[in-house]
């Protein structure tokens, strides 16, 4: 998706962070990909991004992530 932008959803709450250990956290963030030129996130592009974060000698790093599209219930 050349020249697209990853960002928060139009009315997304702040990230939800849960520490599994002092040096490992899981974060859930609402967001999605905005194509080049788009100012708002289209509803069909809304996603929840799950991140596993690790505190390393270089600072906090993303160890793993998953991007899951939001769908209407029952679809």
Protein backbone atom coordinates (compact mmCIF):
# COMPACT_ATOMS: atom_id res chain seq x y z
CA UNK A 1 0.00 0.00 0.00
CA UNK A 2 2.51 2.52 -1.24
CA UNK A 3 2.22 6.03 0.25
CA UNK A 4 -0.51 4.96 2.70
CA UNK A 5 -0.53 5.93 6.40
CA UNK A 6 -1.19 3.81 9.47
CA UNK A 7 -3.01 5.67 12.20
CA UNK A 8 -5.68 5.67 14.88
CA UNK A 9 -9.35 5.23 14.10
CA UNK A 10 -11.46 8.37 13.69
CA UNK A 11 -12.85 8.18 17.23
CA UNK A 12 -10.55 5.58 18.71
CA UNK A 13 -9.90 5.32 22.45
CA UNK A 14 -6.29 5.42 23.61
CA UNK A 15 -4.27 2.23 23.50
CA UNK A 16 -5.07 -0.39 26.12
CA UNK A 17 -1.83 -1.70 27.65
CA UNK A 18 -1.46 -4.71 29.95
CA UNK A 19 1.88 -5.67 31.49
CA UNK A 20 2.49 -9.42 31.56
CA UNK A 21 5.85 -8.86 33.29
CA UNK A 22 7.78 -5.66 34.01
CA UNK A 23 9.62 -6.10 30.69
CA UNK A 24 6.77 -7.47 28.52
CA UNK A 25 3.47 -5.78 27.64
CA UNK A 26 0.53 -6.36 25.31
CA UNK A 27 -1.12 -3.33 23.70
CA UNK A 28 -4.42 -3.15 21.80
CA UNK A 29 -4.87 -0.15 19.51
CA UNK A 30 -7.80 0.75 17.24
CA UNK A 31 -6.69 2.06 13.87
CA UNK A 32 -6.25 1.26 10.23
CA UNK A 33 -4.61 2.20 6.94
CA UNK A 34 -5.50 5.43 5.17
CA UNK A 35 -4.74 5.38 1.43
CA UNK A 36 -2.75 8.30 0.02
CA UNK A 37 -4.81 11.49 0.07
CA UNK A 38 -7.46 10.21 2.52
CA UNK A 39 -8.00 12.34 5.62
CA UNK A 40 -10.40 9.99 7.44
CA UNK A 41 -10.32 6.25 7.95
CA UNK A 42 -13.04 4.47 5.96
CA UNK A 43 -15.21 2.23 8.20
CA UNK A 44 -14.34 -0.85 6.12
CA UNK A 45 -10.64 -0.26 6.91
CA UNK A 46 -11.02 -0.11 10.72
CA UNK A 47 -8.81 -2.61 12.53
CA UNK A 48 -7.58 -3.59 15.95
CA UNK A 49 -3.82 -3.94 16.16
CA UNK A 50 -2.42 -6.24 18.87
CA UNK A 51 1.22 -5.65 19.81
CA UNK A 52 3.62 -7.59 22.03
CA UNK A 53 6.21 -5.14 23.39
CA UNK A 54 9.53 -6.07 24.99
CA UNK A 55 11.81 -3.82 27.04
CA UNK A 56 15.33 -4.46 25.70
CA UNK A 57 18.73 -2.89 26.27
CA UNK A 58 17.88 -0.58 23.33
CA UNK A 59 14.48 0.40 24.80
CA UNK A 60 10.94 -0.83 24.16
CA UNK A 61 10.64 -2.80 20.91
CA UNK A 62 7.75 -4.46 19.07
CA UNK A 63 8.31 -8.22 19.31
CA UNK A 64 5.12 -9.23 17.43
CA UNK A 65 1.94 -7.71 16.04
CA UNK A 66 -1.35 -8.77 14.48
CA UNK A 67 -3.74 -6.57 12.52
CA UNK A 68 -7.38 -7.74 12.65
CA UNK A 69 -10.16 -6.07 10.65
CA UNK A 70 -13.25 -4.96 12.58
CA UNK A 71 -16.38 -6.75 11.36
CA UNK A 72 -20.04 -6.43 12.14
CA UNK A 73 -21.24 -9.08 14.56
CA UNK A 74 -22.77 -12.07 12.77
CA UNK A 75 -20.81 -11.67 9.53
